[in-house]
Amino acid sequence: MIRFLLRFLGLITLAAAFVFFIYDGARYIANQRFEFTKVGDVWSAVHQSSLAQLQPAIEQHVGVWLWDPVMLSLLTRPVWLVLLIVGAILIVLGRRKKPLIGYAR
């Protein structure tokens, strides 16, 4: 059941990555400039107060080193790339195990 859920969430995430990729491609065709939709922009559009609360929470509980190089670089990446990586990880985690060959049980 967990493997099914991981694969399902992975496929949904990959579908969302494809939608954002097509959206960025259509914006490129319209504007003739590469402008990718960033993770931080989408997050602030969905729920801005949680993004504002994330920085003090990470700096207080984990450390300043996690916010400045790691989270800021993640928030400036294209959404489709981040969703593609997360979806691929979810699908790999939910894959079926290879059947054993012979008497190797």
PDB file of N, CA and C in Angstrom:
ATOM      1  N   MET A   1       0.814  -1.191   0.000  1.00  0.00           N
ATOM      2  CA  MET A   1       0.000   0.000   0.000  1.00  0.00           C
ATOM      3  C   MET A   1       0.859   1.257   0.000  1.00  0.00           C
ATOM      4  N   ILE A   2       1.949   1.223   0.768  1.00  0.00           N
ATOM      5  CA  ILE A   2       2.837   2.390   0.816  1.00  0.00           C
ATOM      6  C   ILE A   2       3.533   2.573  -0.531  1.00  0.00           C
ATOM      7  N   ARG A   3       3.928   1.462  -1.153  1.00  0.00           N
ATOM      8  CA  ARG A   3       4.579   1.583  -2.458  1.00  0.00           C
ATOM      9  C   ARG A   3       3.625   2.176  -3.489  1.00  0.00           C
ATOM     10  N   PHE A   4       2.363   1.774  -3.440  1.00  0.00           N
ATOM     11  CA  PHE A   4       1.378   2.345  -4.346  1.00  0.00           C
ATOM     12  C   PHE A   4       1.225   3.843  -4.111  1.00  0.00           C
ATOM     13  N   LEU A   5       1.166   4.247  -2.854  1.00  0.00           N
ATOM     14  CA  LEU A   5       1.023   5.659  -2.517  1.00  0.00           C
ATOM     15  C   LEU A   5       2.239   6.460  -2.972  1.00  0.00           C
ATOM     16  N   LEU A   6       3.435   5.914  -2.780  1.00  0.00           N
ATOM     17  CA  LEU A   6       4.644   6.607  -3.231  1.00  0.00           C
ATOM     18  C   LEU A   6       4.671   6.745  -4.742  1.00  0.00           C
ATOM     19  N   ARG A   7       4.312   5.680  -5.459  1.00  0.00           N
ATOM     20  CA  ARG A   7       4.278   5.760  -6.929  1.00  0.00           C
ATOM     21  C   ARG A   7       3.216   6.736  -7.399  1.00  0.00           C
ATOM     22  N   PHE A   8       2.053   6.743  -6.754  1.00  0.00           N
ATOM     23  CA  PHE A   8       0.980   7.656  -7.135  1.00  0.00           C
ATOM     24  C   PHE A   8       1.398   9.105  -6.913  1.00  0.00           C
ATOM     25  N   LEU A   9       1.960   9.396  -5.746  1.00  0.00           N
ATOM     26  CA  LEU A   9       2.429  10.755  -5.481  1.00  0.00           C
ATOM     27  C   LEU A   9       3.559  11.149  -6.422  1.00  0.00           C
ATOM     28  N   GLY A  10       4.418  10.195  -6.768  1.00  0.00           N
ATOM     29  CA  GLY A  10       5.486  10.461  -7.727  1.00  0.00           C
ATOM     30  C   GLY A  10       4.950  10.816  -9.102  1.00  0.00           C
ATOM     31  N   LEU A  11       3.924  10.089  -9.545  1.00  0.00           N
ATOM     32  CA  LEU A  11       3.335  10.385 -10.856  1.00  0.00           C
ATOM     33  C   LEU A  11       2.617  11.736 -10.861  1.00  0.00           C
ATOM     34  N   ILE A  12       1.930  12.061  -9.777  1.00  0.00           N
ATOM     35  CA  ILE A  12       1.276  13.366  -9.672  1.00  0.00           C
ATOM     36  C   ILE A  12       2.319  14.481  -9.688  1.00  0.00           C
ATOM     37  N   THR A  13       3.418  14.268  -8.987  1.00  0.00           N
ATOM     38  CA  THR A  13       4.486  15.267  -8.953  1.00  0.00           C
ATOM     39  C   THR A  13       5.126  15.422 -10.322  1.00  0.00           C
ATOM     40  N   LEU A  14       5.338  14.320 -11.030  1.00  0.00           N
ATOM     41  CA  LEU A  14       5.892  14.403 -12.384  1.00  0.00           C
ATOM     42  C   LEU A  14       4.920  15.103 -13.339  1.00  0.00           C
ATOM     43  N   ALA A  15       3.634  14.878 -13.160  1.00  0.00           N
ATOM     44  CA  ALA A  15       2.646  15.568 -13.991  1.00  0.00           C
ATOM     45  C   ALA A  15       2.671  17.070 -13.727  1.00  0.00           C
ATOM     46  N   ALA A  16       2.805  17.455 -12.462  1.00  0.00           N
ATOM     47  CA  ALA A  16       2.901  18.884 -12.132  1.00  0.00           C
ATOM     48  C   ALA A  16       4.181  19.484 -12.702  1.00  0.00           C
ATOM     49  N   ALA A  17       5.276  18.729 -12.683  1.00  0.00           N
ATOM     50  CA  ALA A  17       6.526  19.202 -13.280  1.00  0.00           C
ATOM     51  C   ALA A  17       6.353  19.428 -14.777  1.00  0.00           C
ATOM     52  N   PHE A  18       5.643  18.526 -15.441  1.00  0.00           N
ATOM     53  CA  PHE A  18       5.402  18.680 -16.872  1.00  0.00           C
ATOM     54  C   PHE A  18       4.546  19.911 -17.154  1.00  0.00           C
ATOM     55  N   VAL A  19       3.549  20.162 -16.316  1.00  0.00           N
ATOM     56  CA  VAL A  19       2.691  21.336 -16.495  1.00  0.00           C
ATOM     57  C   VAL A  19       3.505  22.621 -16.352  1.00  0.00           C
ATOM     58  N   PHE A  20       4.359  22.695 -15.335  1.00  0.00           N
ATOM     59  CA  PHE A  20       5.190  23.889 -15.160  1.00  0.00           C
ATOM     60  C   PHE A  20       6.210  24.029 -16.284  1.00  0.00           C
ATOM     61  N   PHE A  21       6.716  22.905 -16.800  1.00  0.00           N
ATOM     62  CA  PHE A  21       7.648  22.961 -17.930  1.00  0.00           C
ATOM     63  C   PHE A  21       6.960  23.525 -19.172  1.00  0.00           C
ATOM     64  N   ILE A  22       5.746  23.083 -19.436  1.00  0.00           N
ATOM     65  CA  ILE A  22       4.989  23.601 -20.575  1.00  0.00           C
ATOM     66  C   ILE A  22       4.651  25.066 -20.364  1.00  0.00           C
ATOM     67  N   TYR A  23       4.300  25.452 -19.135  1.00  0.00           N
ATOM     68  CA  TYR A  23       3.995  26.849 -18.824  1.00  0.00           C
ATOM     69  C   TYR A  23       5.209  27.739 -19.071  1.00  0.00           C
ATOM     70  N   ASP A  24       6.383  27.307 -18.619  1.00  0.00           N
ATOM     71  CA  ASP A  24       7.596  28.085 -18.853  1.00  0.00           C
ATOM     72  C   ASP A  24       7.955  28.119 -20.330  1.00  0.00           C
ATOM     73  N   GLY A  25       7.700  27.028 -21.036  1.00  0.00           N
ATOM     74  CA  GLY A  25       7.957  27.017 -22.482  1.00  0.00           C
ATOM     75  C   GLY A  25       7.039  27.961 -23.235  1.00  0.00           C
ATOM     76  N   ALA A  26       5.780  28.017 -22.833  1.00  0.00           N
ATOM     77  CA  ALA A  26       4.844  28.947 -23.478  1.00  0.00           C
ATOM     78  C   ALA A  26       5.225  30.397 -23.185  1.00  0.00           C
ATOM     79  N   ARG A  27       5.704  30.655 -21.955  1.00  0.00           N
ATOM     80  CA  ARG A  27       6.167  32.011 -21.643  1.00  0.00           C
ATOM     81  C   ARG A  27       7.398  32.371 -22.457  1.00  0.00           C
ATOM     82  N   TYR A  28       8.268  31.399 -22.731  1.00  0.00           N
ATOM     83  CA  TYR A  28       9.439  31.667 -23.554  1.00  0.00           C
ATOM     84  C   TYR A  28       9.018  32.001 -24.981  1.00  0.00           C
ATOM     85  N   ILE A  29       8.054  31.267 -25.504  1.00  0.00           N
ATOM     86  CA  ILE A  29       7.594  31.528 -26.866  1.00  0.00           C
ATOM     87  C   ILE A  29       6.944  32.904 -26.960  1.00  0.00           C
ATOM     88  N   ALA A  30       6.198  33.294 -25.939  1.00  0.00           N
ATOM     89  CA  ALA A  30       5.506  34.575 -25.958  1.00  0.00           C
ATOM     90  C   ALA A  30       6.463  35.747 -25.760  1.00  0.00           C
ATOM     91  N   ASN A  31       7.430  35.618 -24.850  1.00  0.00           N
ATOM     92  CA  ASN A  31       8.299  36.737 -24.502  1.00  0.00           C
ATOM     93  C   ASN A  31       9.655  36.717 -25.184  1.00  0.00           C
ATOM     94  N   GLN A  32      10.028  35.598 -25.779  1.00  0.00           N
ATOM     95  CA  GLN A  32      11.338  35.408 -26.393  1.00  0.00           C
ATOM     96  C   GLN A  32      12.471  35.599 -25.381  1.00  0.00           C
ATOM     97  N   ARG A  33      12.213  35.258 -24.106  1.00  0.00           N
ATOM     98  CA  ARG A  33      13.213  35.313 -23.038  1.00  0.00           C
ATOM     99  C   ARG A  33      13.020  34.120 -22.133  1.00  0.00           C
ATOM    100  N   PHE A  34      14.133  33.585 -21.638  1.00  0.00           N
ATOM    101  CA  PHE A  34      14.048  32.499 -20.666  1.00  0.00           C
ATOM    102  C   PHE A  34      13.730  33.076 -19.304  1.00  0.00           C
ATOM    103  N   GLU A  35      12.524  32.841 -18.815  1.00  0.00           N
ATOM    104  CA  GLU A  35      12.109  33.235 -17.485  1.00  0.00           C
ATOM    105  C   GLU A  35      11.433  32.035 -16.844  1.00  0.00           C
ATOM    106  N   PHE A  36      12.156  31.379 -15.966  1.00  0.00           N
ATOM    107  CA  PHE A  36      11.599  30.206 -15.320  1.00  0.00           C
ATOM    108  C   PHE A  36      10.803  30.603 -14.086  1.00  0.00           C
ATOM    109  N   THR A  37       9.756  29.866 -13.802  1.00  0.00           N
ATOM    110  CA  THR A  37       8.988  30.057 -12.584  1.00  0.00           C
ATOM    111  C   THR A  37       9.775  29.449 -11.435  1.00  0.00           C
ATOM    112  N   LYS A  38      10.059  30.246 -10.418  1.00  0.00           N
ATOM    113  CA  LYS A  38      10.897  29.795  -9.313  1.00  0.00           C
ATOM    114  C   LYS A  38      10.041  29.190  -8.208  1.00  0.00           C
ATOM    115  N   VAL A  39      10.652  28.319  -7.427  1.00  0.00           N
ATOM    116  CA  VAL A  39       9.962  27.652  -6.328  1.00  0.00           C
ATOM    117  C   VAL A  39       9.465  28.684  -5.317  1.00  0.00           C
ATOM    118  N   GLY A  40      10.280  29.680  -5.025  1.00  0.00           N
ATOM    119  CA  GLY A  40       9.887  30.708  -4.068  1.00  0.00           C
ATOM    120  C   GLY A  40       8.684  31.509  -4.534  1.00  0.00           C
ATOM    121  N   ASP A  41       8.595  31.773  -5.836  1.00  0.00           N
ATOM    122  CA  ASP A  41       7.443  32.506  -6.371  1.00  0.00           C
ATOM    123  C   ASP A  41       6.159  31.696  -6.246  1.00  0.00           C
ATOM    124  N   VAL A  42       6.232  30.417  -6.561  1.00  0.00           N
ATOM    125  CA  VAL A  42       5.048  29.564  -6.457  1.00  0.00           C
ATOM    126  C   VAL A  42       4.640  29.393  -5.009  1.00  0.00           C
ATOM    127  N   TRP A  43       5.624  29.207  -4.123  1.00  0.00           N
ATOM    128  CA  TRP A  43       5.324  29.033  -2.710  1.00  0.00           C
ATOM    129  C   TRP A  43       4.673  30.282  -2.139  1.00  0.00           C
ATOM    130  N   SER A  44       5.189  31.457  -2.506  1.00  0.00           N
ATOM    131  CA  SER A  44       4.584  32.692  -1.981  1.00  0.00           C
ATOM    132  C   SER A  44       3.207  32.933  -2.579  1.00  0.00           C
ATOM    133  N   ALA A  45       2.962  32.465  -3.775  1.00  0.00           N
ATOM    134  CA  ALA A  45       1.633  32.609  -4.365  1.00  0.00           C
ATOM    135  C   ALA A  45       0.626  31.675  -3.695  1.00  0.00           C
ATOM    136  N   VAL A  46       1.074  30.502  -3.282  1.00  0.00           N
ATOM    137  CA  VAL A  46       0.175  29.544  -2.652  1.00  0.00           C
ATOM    138  C   VAL A  46      -0.083  29.904  -1.192  1.00  0.00           C
ATOM    139  N   HIS A  47       0.985  30.140  -0.427  1.00  0.00           N
ATOM    140  CA  HIS A  47       0.818  30.433   1.005  1.00  0.00           C
ATOM    141  C   HIS A  47       2.012  31.262   1.472  1.00  0.00           C
ATOM    142  N   GLN A  48       1.864  32.566   1.409  1.00  0.00           N
ATOM    143  CA  GLN A  48       2.975  33.467   1.654  1.00  0.00           C
ATOM    144  C   GLN A  48       3.415  33.484   3.117  1.00  0.00           C
ATOM    145  N   SER A  49       2.503  33.365   4.054  1.00  0.00           N
ATOM    146  CA  SER A  49       2.887  33.450   5.467  1.00  0.00           C
ATOM    147  C   SER A  49       3.736  32.255   5.900  1.00  0.00           C
ATOM    148  N   SER A  50       3.513  31.078   5.312  1.00  0.00           N
ATOM    149  CA  SER A  50       4.338  29.930   5.687  1.00  0.00           C
ATOM    150  C   SER A  50       5.763  30.091   5.185  1.00  0.00           C
ATOM    151  N   LEU A  51       5.924  30.726   4.039  1.00  0.00           N
ATOM    152  CA  LEU A  51       7.270  30.987   3.528  1.00  0.00           C
ATOM    153  C   LEU A  51       7.989  31.991   4.418  1.00  0.00           C
ATOM    154  N   ALA A  52       7.268  32.988   4.918  1.00  0.00           N
ATOM    155  CA  ALA A  52       7.874  33.978   5.818  1.00  0.00           C
ATOM    156  C   ALA A  52       8.212  33.357   7.170  1.00  0.00           C
ATOM    157  N   GLN A  53       7.458  32.370   7.620  1.00  0.00           N
ATOM    158  CA  GLN A  53       7.724  31.714   8.899  1.00  0.00           C
ATOM    159  C   GLN A  53       8.798  30.640   8.794  1.00  0.00           C
ATOM    160  N   LEU A  54       9.120  30.222   7.598  1.00  0.00           N
ATOM    161  CA  LEU A  54      10.087  29.141   7.422  1.00  0.00           C
ATOM    162  C   LEU A  54      11.501  29.573   7.792  1.00  0.00           C
ATOM    163  N   GLN A  55      11.904  30.762   7.395  1.00  0.00           N
ATOM    164  CA  GLN A  55      13.272  31.205   7.668  1.00  0.00           C
ATOM    165  C   GLN A  55      13.603  31.257   9.156  1.00  0.00           C
ATOM    166  N   PRO A  56      12.803  31.932  10.004  1.00  0.00           N
ATOM    167  CA  PRO A  56      13.156  31.914  11.427  1.00  0.00           C
ATOM    168  C   PRO A  56      13.095  30.521  12.045  1.00  0.00           C
ATOM    169  N   ALA A  57      12.186  29.681  11.577  1.00  0.00           N
ATOM    170  CA  ALA A  57      12.083  28.328  12.128  1.00  0.00           C
ATOM    171  C   ALA A  57      13.328  27.506  11.803  1.00  0.00           C
ATOM    172  N   ILE A  58      13.801  27.584  10.577  1.00  0.00           N
ATOM    173  CA  ILE A  58      14.997  26.827  10.192  1.00  0.00           C
ATOM    174  C   ILE A  58      16.223  27.372  10.910  1.00  0.00           C
ATOM    175  N   GLU A  59      16.347  28.699  10.959  1.00  0.00           N
ATOM    176  CA  GLU A  59      17.519  29.277  11.619  1.00  0.00           C
ATOM    177  C   GLU A  59      17.531  28.988  13.115  1.00  0.00           C
ATOM    178  N   GLN A  60      16.384  28.908  13.735  1.00  0.00           N
ATOM    179  CA  GLN A  60      16.333  28.681  15.172  1.00  0.00           C
ATOM    180  C   GLN A  60      16.521  27.205  15.529  1.00  0.00           C
ATOM    181  N   HIS A  61      15.872  26.301  14.796  1.00  0.00           N
ATOM    182  CA  HIS A  61      15.883  24.892  15.174  1.00  0.00           C
ATOM    183  C   HIS A  61      17.009  24.091  14.528  1.00  0.00           C
ATOM    184  N   VAL A  62      17.399  24.433  13.316  1.00  0.00           N
ATOM    185  CA  VAL A  62      18.419  23.646  12.628  1.00  0.00           C
ATOM    186  C   VAL A  62      19.745  24.391  12.607  1.00  0.00           C
ATOM    187  N   GLY A  63      19.742  25.587  12.047  1.00  0.00           N
ATOM    188  CA  GLY A  63      20.973  26.362  11.964  1.00  0.00           C
ATOM    189  C   GLY A  63      20.926  27.329  10.805  1.00  0.00           C
ATOM    190  N   VAL A  64      21.730  28.358  10.905  1.00  0.00           N
ATOM    191  CA  VAL A  64      21.781  29.371   9.849  1.00  0.00           C
ATOM    192  C   VAL A  64      22.395  28.797   8.578  1.00  0.00           C
ATOM    193  N   TRP A  65      23.273  27.823   8.725  1.00  0.00           N
ATOM    194  CA  TRP A  65      23.947  27.232   7.567  1.00  0.00           C
ATOM    195  C   TRP A  65      22.960  26.550   6.612  1.00  0.00           C
ATOM    196  N   LEU A  66      21.824  26.080   7.114  1.00  0.00           N
ATOM    197  CA  LEU A  66      20.853  25.424   6.234  1.00  0.00           C
ATOM    198  C   LEU A  66      20.049  26.429   5.435  1.00  0.00           C
ATOM    199  N   TRP A  67      19.759  27.585   6.012  1.00  0.00           N
ATOM    200  CA  TRP A  67      18.932  28.558   5.291  1.00  0.00           C
ATOM    201  C   TRP A  67      19.696  29.225   4.163  1.00  0.00           C
ATOM    202  N   ASP A  68      20.892  29.755   4.487  1.00  0.00           N
ATOM    203  CA  ASP A  68      21.568  30.600   3.498  1.00  0.00           C
ATOM    204  C   ASP A  68      22.024  29.837   2.266  1.00  0.00           C
ATOM    205  N   PRO A  69      22.842  28.819   2.327  1.00  0.00           N
ATOM    206  CA  PRO A  69      23.216  28.227   1.043  1.00  0.00           C
ATOM    207  C   PRO A  69      22.203  27.230   0.495  1.00  0.00           C
ATOM    208  N   VAL A  70      21.558  26.463   1.358  1.00  0.00           N
ATOM    209  CA  VAL A  70      20.732  25.357   0.867  1.00  0.00           C
ATOM    210  C   VAL A  70      19.335  25.823   0.459  1.00  0.00           C
ATOM    211  N   MET A  71      18.588  26.405   1.390  1.00  0.00           N
ATOM    212  CA  MET A  71      17.200  26.773   1.102  1.00  0.00           C
ATOM    213  C   MET A  71      17.082  27.921   0.101  1.00  0.00           C
ATOM    214  N   LEU A  72      17.978  28.889   0.175  1.00  0.00           N
ATOM    215  CA  LEU A  72      17.910  29.996  -0.785  1.00  0.00           C
ATOM    216  C   LEU A  72      18.214  29.519  -2.199  1.00  0.00           C
ATOM    217  N   SER A  73      19.139  28.575  -2.340  1.00  0.00           N
ATOM    218  CA  SER A  73      19.401  28.049  -3.675  1.00  0.00           C
ATOM    219  C   SER A  73      18.243  27.186  -4.171  1.00  0.00           C
ATOM    220  N   LEU A  74      17.564  26.483  -3.255  1.00  0.00           N
ATOM    221  CA  LEU A  74      16.399  25.689  -3.639  1.00  0.00           C
ATOM    222  C   LEU A  74      15.233  26.581  -4.055  1.00  0.00           C
ATOM    223  N   LEU A  75      15.048  27.697  -3.356  1.00  0.00           N
ATOM    224  CA  LEU A  75      13.932  28.595  -3.665  1.00  0.00           C
ATOM    225  C   LEU A  75      14.128  29.357  -4.973  1.00  0.00           C
ATOM    226  N   THR A  76      15.349  29.409  -5.492  1.00  0.00           N
ATOM    227  CA  THR A  76      15.589  30.104  -6.756  1.00  0.00           C
ATOM    228  C   THR A  76      15.661  29.159  -7.954  1.00  0.00           C
ATOM    229  N   ARG A  77      15.486  27.886  -7.738  1.00  0.00           N
ATOM    230  CA  ARG A  77      15.499  26.904  -8.838  1.00  0.00           C
ATOM    231  C   ARG A  77      14.153  26.886  -9.557  1.00  0.00           C
ATOM    232  N   PRO A  78      14.138  26.426 -10.816  1.00  0.00           N
ATOM    233  CA  PRO A  78      12.857  26.292 -11.520  1.00  0.00           C
ATOM    234  C   PRO A  78      11.973  25.232 -10.858  1.00  0.00           C
ATOM    235  N   VAL A  79      10.685  25.501 -10.841  1.00  0.00           N
ATOM    236  CA  VAL A  79       9.737  24.595 -10.184  1.00  0.00           C
ATOM    237  C   VAL A  79       9.729  23.237 -10.868  1.00  0.00           C
ATOM    238  N   TRP A  80       9.773  23.227 -12.186  1.00  0.00           N
ATOM    239  CA  TRP A  80       9.677  21.957 -12.887  1.00  0.00           C
ATOM    240  C   TRP A  80      10.876  21.063 -12.584  1.00  0.00           C
ATOM    241  N   LEU A  81      12.045  21.652 -12.369  1.00  0.00           N
ATOM    242  CA  LEU A  81      13.227  20.851 -12.062  1.00  0.00           C
ATOM    243  C   LEU A  81      13.135  20.236 -10.670  1.00  0.00           C
ATOM    244  N   VAL A  82      12.695  21.015  -9.704  1.00  0.00           N
ATOM    245  CA  VAL A  82      12.562  20.506  -8.334  1.00  0.00           C
ATOM    246  C   VAL A  82      11.487  19.427  -8.271  1.00  0.00           C
ATOM    247  N   LEU A  83      10.353  19.664  -8.935  1.00  0.00           N
ATOM    248  CA  LEU A  83       9.287  18.660  -8.939  1.00  0.00           C
ATOM    249  C   LEU A  83       9.712  17.393  -9.678  1.00  0.00           C
ATOM    250  N   LEU A  84      10.508  17.536 -10.722  1.00  0.00           N
ATOM    251  CA  LEU A  84      11.009  16.378 -11.460  1.00  0.00           C
ATOM    252  C   LEU A  84      11.897  15.517 -10.571  1.00  0.00           C
ATOM    253  N   ILE A  85      12.776  16.149  -9.815  1.00  0.00           N
ATOM    254  CA  ILE A  85      13.671  15.398  -8.933  1.00  0.00           C
ATOM    255  C   ILE A  85      12.885  14.727  -7.808  1.00  0.00           C
ATOM    256  N   VAL A  86      11.959  15.454  -7.194  1.00  0.00           N
ATOM    257  CA  VAL A  86      11.156  14.880  -6.107  1.00  0.00           C
ATOM    258  C   VAL A  86      10.289  13.733  -6.627  1.00  0.00           C
ATOM    259  N   GLY A  87       9.686  13.898  -7.789  1.00  0.00           N
ATOM    260  CA  GLY A  87       8.865  12.836  -8.366  1.00  0.00           C
ATOM    261  C   GLY A  87       9.670  11.601  -8.704  1.00  0.00           C
ATOM    262  N   ALA A  88      10.872  11.792  -9.240  1.00  0.00           N
ATOM    263  CA  ALA A  88      11.722  10.642  -9.555  1.00  0.00           C
ATOM    264  C   ALA A  88      12.126   9.901  -8.293  1.00  0.00           C
ATOM    265  N   ILE A  89      12.434  10.635  -7.227  1.00  0.00           N
ATOM    266  CA  ILE A  89      12.793   9.988  -5.958  1.00  0.00           C
ATOM    267  C   ILE A  89      11.611   9.198  -5.402  1.00  0.00           C
ATOM    268  N   LEU A  90      10.414   9.765  -5.476  1.00  0.00           N
ATOM    269  CA  LEU A  90       9.237   9.057  -4.978  1.00  0.00           C
ATOM    270  C   LEU A  90       8.958   7.786  -5.776  1.00  0.00           C
ATOM    271  N   ILE A  91       9.129   7.852  -7.082  1.00  0.00           N
ATOM    272  CA  ILE A  91       8.887   6.659  -7.901  1.00  0.00           C
ATOM    273  C   ILE A  91       9.935   5.590  -7.632  1.00  0.00           C
ATOM    274  N   VAL A  92      11.188   5.990  -7.450  1.00  0.00           N
ATOM    275  CA  VAL A  92      12.234   5.014  -7.142  1.00  0.00           C
ATOM    276  C   VAL A  92      11.984   4.375  -5.775  1.00  0.00           C
ATOM    277  N   LEU A  93      11.535   5.166  -4.802  1.00  0.00           N
ATOM    278  CA  LEU A  93      11.240   4.606  -3.485  1.00  0.00           C
ATOM    279  C   LEU A  93      10.043   3.653  -3.519  1.00  0.00           C
ATOM    280  N   GLY A  94       9.111   3.864  -4.440  1.00  0.00           N
ATOM    281  CA  GLY A  94       7.926   3.026  -4.505  1.00  0.00           C
ATOM    282  C   GLY A  94       7.987   1.923  -5.533  1.00  0.00           C
ATOM    283  N   ARG A  95       9.130   1.683  -6.117  1.00  0.00           N
ATOM    284  CA  ARG A  95       9.203   0.649  -7.151  1.00  0.00           C
ATOM    285  C   ARG A  95       9.090  -0.745  -6.551  1.00  0.00           C
ATOM    286  N   ARG A  96       8.701  -1.665  -7.402  1.00  0.00           N
ATOM    287  CA  ARG A  96       8.554  -3.044  -6.956  1.00  0.00           C
ATOM    288  C   ARG A  96       9.925  -3.708  -6.896  1.00  0.00           C
ATOM    289  N   LYS A  97      10.053  -4.604  -5.979  1.00  0.00           N
ATOM    290  CA  LYS A  97      11.321  -5.305  -5.831  1.00  0.00           C
ATOM    291  C   LYS A  97      11.465  -6.335  -6.946  1.00  0.00           C
ATOM    292  N   LYS A  98      12.694  -6.558  -7.365  1.00  0.00           N
ATOM    293  CA  LYS A  98      12.951  -7.546  -8.404  1.00  0.00           C
ATOM    294  C   LYS A  98      12.683  -8.943  -7.855  1.00  0.00           C
ATOM    295  N   PRO A  99      12.094  -9.812  -8.665  1.00  0.00           N
ATOM    296  CA  PRO A  99      11.863 -11.178  -8.178  1.00  0.00           C
ATOM    297  C   PRO A  99      13.189 -11.932  -8.047  1.00  0.00           C
ATOM    298  N   LEU A 100      13.243 -12.778  -7.049  1.00  0.00           N
ATOM    299  CA  LEU A 100      14.450 -13.578  -6.835  1.00  0.00           C
ATOM    300  C   LEU A 100      14.530 -14.689  -7.871  1.00  0.00           C
ATOM    301  N   ILE A 101      15.725 -14.996  -8.290  1.00  0.00           N
ATOM    302  CA  ILE A 101      15.941 -16.039  -9.282  1.00  0.00           C
ATOM    303  C   ILE A 101      16.474 -17.279  -8.588  1.00  0.00           C
ATOM    304  N   GLY A 102      15.870 -18.399  -8.878  1.00  0.00           N
ATOM    305  CA  GLY A 102      16.361 -19.649  -8.316  1.00  0.00           C
ATOM    306  C   GLY A 102      15.991 -19.845  -6.868  1.00  0.00           C
ATOM    307  N   TYR A 103      16.945 -20.360  -6.087  1.00  0.00           N
ATOM    308  CA  TYR A 103      16.689 -20.693  -4.684  1.00  0.00           C
ATOM    309  C   TYR A 103      17.246 -19.649  -3.741  1.00  0.00           C
ATOM    310  N   ALA A 104      17.511 -18.467  -4.201  1.00  0.00           N
ATOM    311  CA  ALA A 104      18.129 -17.410  -3.350  1.00  0.00           C
ATOM    312  C   ALA A 104      17.038 -16.736  -2.515  1.00  0.00           C
ATOM    313  N   ARG A 105      16.546 -17.417  -1.503  1.00  0.00           N
ATOM    314  CA  ARG A 105      15.521 -16.831  -0.645  1.00  0.00           C
ATOM    315  C   ARG A 105      15.973 -16.735   0.750  1.00  0.00           C
TER     316      ARG A 105
END
